[in-house]
Amino acid sequence: MRFFRGLPAEARAGLRLERGERPLAHAVTPQGGHVVATTLALHLPTGARLPWETVERAQWKDDWVHVFTTDGEEHHVRLSEAGRLPEVLRERVTASIVVNRHVRLDVGGPEERGVRIMARRAPGSDRLTWTFAFDEGLDPEDPGLRAAAEQALEDLRRRMAG
């Protein structure tokens, strides 16, 4: 297994890489843990492995990296040395996004509210994973809103195919 230069042995020791996965950047926590960004995922000091297509967004603020996943998980890690990690995080998350569209839903009222429809792709894969993010104030469990969002997704897929 080949690693890029500069990845400390202690970071390599706990890293579970899939076949063909390569480290791109790493950062160190104040406790001596490591956050490692690879070609396929973000590896956290807790042992969590977050594939890029599941990372909704990541923010770097005041020596902390805040990672939000598409299934609603949040991970907050303080870093003492960020290195190139923030740059690689931004690039990898952005590269996984194939479609990002906001569609207005007819929900009544003067406000224009709707749903964000996103398609994400894992690095090296052709398969898309579609997700909905409803605007604040809209109930994602409402059957009428879900049906409207599903119809908007079908319309978007038709336009992309034709």
Protein backbone atom coordinates (compact mmCIF):
# COMPACT_ATOMS: atom_id res chain seq x y z
CA MET A 1 0.00 0.00 0.00
CA ARG A 2 1.53 3.34 -1.05
CA PHE A 3 0.86 6.55 0.89
CA PHE A 4 1.66 10.10 -0.07
CA ARG A 5 4.69 11.61 1.56
CA GLY A 6 4.02 13.32 4.85
CA LEU A 7 1.28 11.05 6.22
CA PRO A 8 2.56 10.12 9.69
CA ALA A 9 2.79 6.47 10.69
CA GLU A 10 0.22 6.97 13.47
CA ALA A 11 -2.29 8.27 10.91
CA ARG A 12 -1.63 5.28 8.64
CA ALA A 13 -2.05 2.80 11.50
CA GLY A 14 -5.78 3.37 12.01
CA LEU A 15 -6.70 4.08 8.39
CA ARG A 16 -8.98 1.54 6.68
CA LEU A 17 -8.66 2.17 2.95
CA GLU A 18 -10.67 0.53 0.19
CA ARG A 19 -8.99 -0.84 -2.89
CA GLY A 20 -7.61 2.04 -4.97
CA GLU A 21 -8.26 4.65 -2.26
CA ARG A 22 -5.37 7.08 -1.77
CA PRO A 23 -4.75 9.79 0.86
CA LEU A 24 -4.78 13.37 -0.45
CA ALA A 25 -4.44 15.54 2.67
CA HIS A 26 -4.47 15.25 6.43
CA ALA A 27 -4.82 17.43 9.50
CA VAL A 28 -3.91 16.96 13.15
CA THR A 29 -6.16 17.42 16.19
CA PRO A 30 -4.90 18.92 19.49
CA GLN A 31 -5.09 15.39 20.98
CA GLY A 32 -2.82 14.02 18.26
CA GLY A 33 -5.57 12.40 16.19
CA HIS A 34 -5.73 12.70 12.42
CA VAL A 35 -8.36 13.66 9.88
CA VAL A 36 -7.47 12.18 6.49
CA ALA A 37 -9.06 13.13 3.18
CA THR A 38 -8.69 10.44 0.53
CA THR A 39 -9.82 10.03 -3.04
CA LEU A 40 -13.00 8.30 -1.82
CA ALA A 41 -13.82 9.53 1.70
CA LEU A 42 -13.08 11.65 4.74
CA HIS A 43 -11.66 9.62 7.64
CA LEU A 44 -12.19 11.06 11.13
CA PRO A 45 -10.19 10.35 14.32
CA THR A 46 -13.26 8.55 15.74
CA GLY A 47 -12.88 5.90 13.03
CA ALA A 48 -15.84 7.25 11.05
CA ARG A 49 -15.44 7.00 7.27
CA LEU A 50 -17.60 9.49 5.34
CA PRO A 51 -17.77 8.78 1.59
CA TRP A 52 -17.67 12.07 -0.35
CA GLU A 53 -21.11 11.57 -1.89
CA THR A 54 -22.60 11.52 1.65
CA VAL A 55 -20.99 14.80 2.76
CA GLU A 56 -23.62 17.47 2.25
CA ARG A 57 -21.29 20.27 3.24
CA ALA A 58 -18.18 20.99 5.27
CA GLN A 59 -17.20 24.25 6.92
CA TRP A 60 -13.92 25.46 8.35
CA LYS A 61 -14.27 28.01 11.14
CA ASP A 62 -12.11 29.00 14.11
CA ASP A 63 -9.84 25.93 13.92
CA TRP A 64 -12.85 23.59 13.69
CA VAL A 65 -14.04 21.57 10.73
CA HIS A 66 -17.81 21.01 10.74
CA VAL A 67 -19.04 18.20 8.49
CA PHE A 68 -22.75 17.66 7.74
CA THR A 69 -23.87 14.48 5.99
CA THR A 70 -26.85 13.84 3.73
CA ASP A 71 -28.44 11.63 6.41
CA GLY A 72 -28.40 14.44 8.99
CA GLU A 73 -25.28 13.50 10.95
CA GLU A 74 -22.94 16.24 12.17
CA HIS A 75 -19.25 15.82 12.93
CA HIS A 76 -17.22 18.57 14.60
CA VAL A 77 -13.45 18.18 14.91
CA ARG A 78 -11.00 20.74 16.25
CA LEU A 79 -7.74 20.91 14.34
CA SER A 80 -4.41 22.25 15.49
CA GLU A 81 -2.86 22.02 12.02
CA ALA A 82 -5.26 22.15 9.07
CA GLY A 83 -2.71 21.84 6.28
CA ARG A 84 -4.42 21.46 2.88
CA LEU A 85 -7.48 19.75 4.39
CA PRO A 86 -10.00 22.65 3.97
CA GLU A 87 -9.06 23.02 0.29
CA VAL A 88 -9.32 19.28 -0.38
CA LEU A 89 -12.65 19.06 1.51
CA ARG A 90 -14.16 21.77 -0.67
CA GLU A 91 -12.86 20.23 -3.89
CA ARG A 92 -13.98 16.66 -3.08
CA VAL A 93 -17.49 17.64 -1.93
CA THR A 94 -17.98 19.88 -4.96
CA ALA A 95 -16.72 17.16 -7.31
CA SER A 96 -19.36 14.72 -6.02
CA ILE A 97 -22.27 17.04 -6.94
CA VAL A 98 -23.74 16.34 -10.38
CA VAL A 99 -27.07 18.19 -10.03
CA ASN A 100 -28.03 20.91 -7.55
CA ARG A 101 -31.37 22.58 -8.34
CA HIS A 102 -33.89 24.46 -6.24
CA VAL A 103 -37.47 23.90 -7.40
CA ARG A 104 -40.34 26.06 -6.21
CA LEU A 105 -43.30 24.09 -4.87
CA ASP A 106 -46.82 25.49 -4.87
CA VAL A 107 -47.37 25.48 -1.11
CA GLY A 108 -49.58 28.56 -0.86
CA GLY A 109 -48.72 31.83 0.81
CA PRO A 110 -46.62 34.73 -0.43
CA GLU A 111 -43.27 33.03 0.15
CA GLU A 112 -41.50 31.14 -2.59
CA ARG A 113 -40.57 27.90 -0.89
CA GLY A 114 -39.61 24.60 -2.35
CA VAL A 115 -37.12 21.79 -2.38
CA ARG A 116 -33.47 21.46 -3.31
CA ILE A 117 -32.90 18.40 -5.47
CA MET A 118 -29.38 17.05 -5.55
CA ALA A 119 -27.71 14.20 -7.38
CA ARG A 120 -24.40 12.99 -6.02
CA ARG A 121 -21.91 10.54 -7.50
CA ALA A 122 -19.22 8.57 -5.73
CA PRO A 123 -15.75 9.03 -7.26
CA GLY A 124 -15.26 6.52 -10.07
CA SER A 125 -18.93 5.52 -10.18
CA ASP A 126 -21.68 6.17 -12.71
CA ARG A 127 -24.50 5.66 -10.18
CA LEU A 128 -26.31 8.78 -8.95
CA THR A 129 -27.84 9.14 -5.49
CA TRP A 130 -30.73 11.64 -5.41
CA THR A 131 -31.71 13.58 -2.27
CA PHE A 132 -34.31 16.19 -1.31
CA ALA A 133 -33.76 19.09 1.09
CA PHE A 134 -37.01 20.93 1.78
CA ASP A 135 -36.91 24.63 2.61
CA GLU A 136 -37.31 25.60 6.23
CA GLY A 137 -40.92 25.52 7.35
CA LEU A 138 -41.89 22.70 5.00
CA ASP A 139 -42.63 19.26 6.44
CA PRO A 140 -40.63 16.61 4.53
CA GLU A 141 -43.10 13.97 5.80
CA ASP A 142 -46.11 15.72 4.20
CA PRO A 143 -47.36 13.29 1.50
CA GLY A 144 -48.47 16.14 -0.80
CA LEU A 145 -45.07 17.84 -0.62
CA ARG A 146 -43.26 14.53 -1.15
CA ALA A 147 -45.40 13.84 -4.23
CA ALA A 148 -44.68 17.33 -5.59
CA ALA A 149 -40.95 16.85 -4.97
CA GLU A 150 -41.02 13.43 -6.67
CA GLN A 151 -42.77 14.98 -9.68
CA ALA A 152 -40.16 17.77 -9.80
CA LEU A 153 -37.43 15.10 -9.72
CA GLU A 154 -39.05 13.22 -12.62
CA ASP A 155 -39.31 16.46 -14.63
CA LEU A 156 -35.65 17.20 -13.94
CA ARG A 157 -34.57 13.69 -14.98
CA ARG A 158 -36.57 14.01 -18.24
CA ARG A 159 -34.91 17.33 -19.06
CA MET A 160 -31.48 15.89 -18.35
CA ALA A 161 -32.10 12.85 -20.55
CA GLY A 162 -33.51 14.77 -23.48
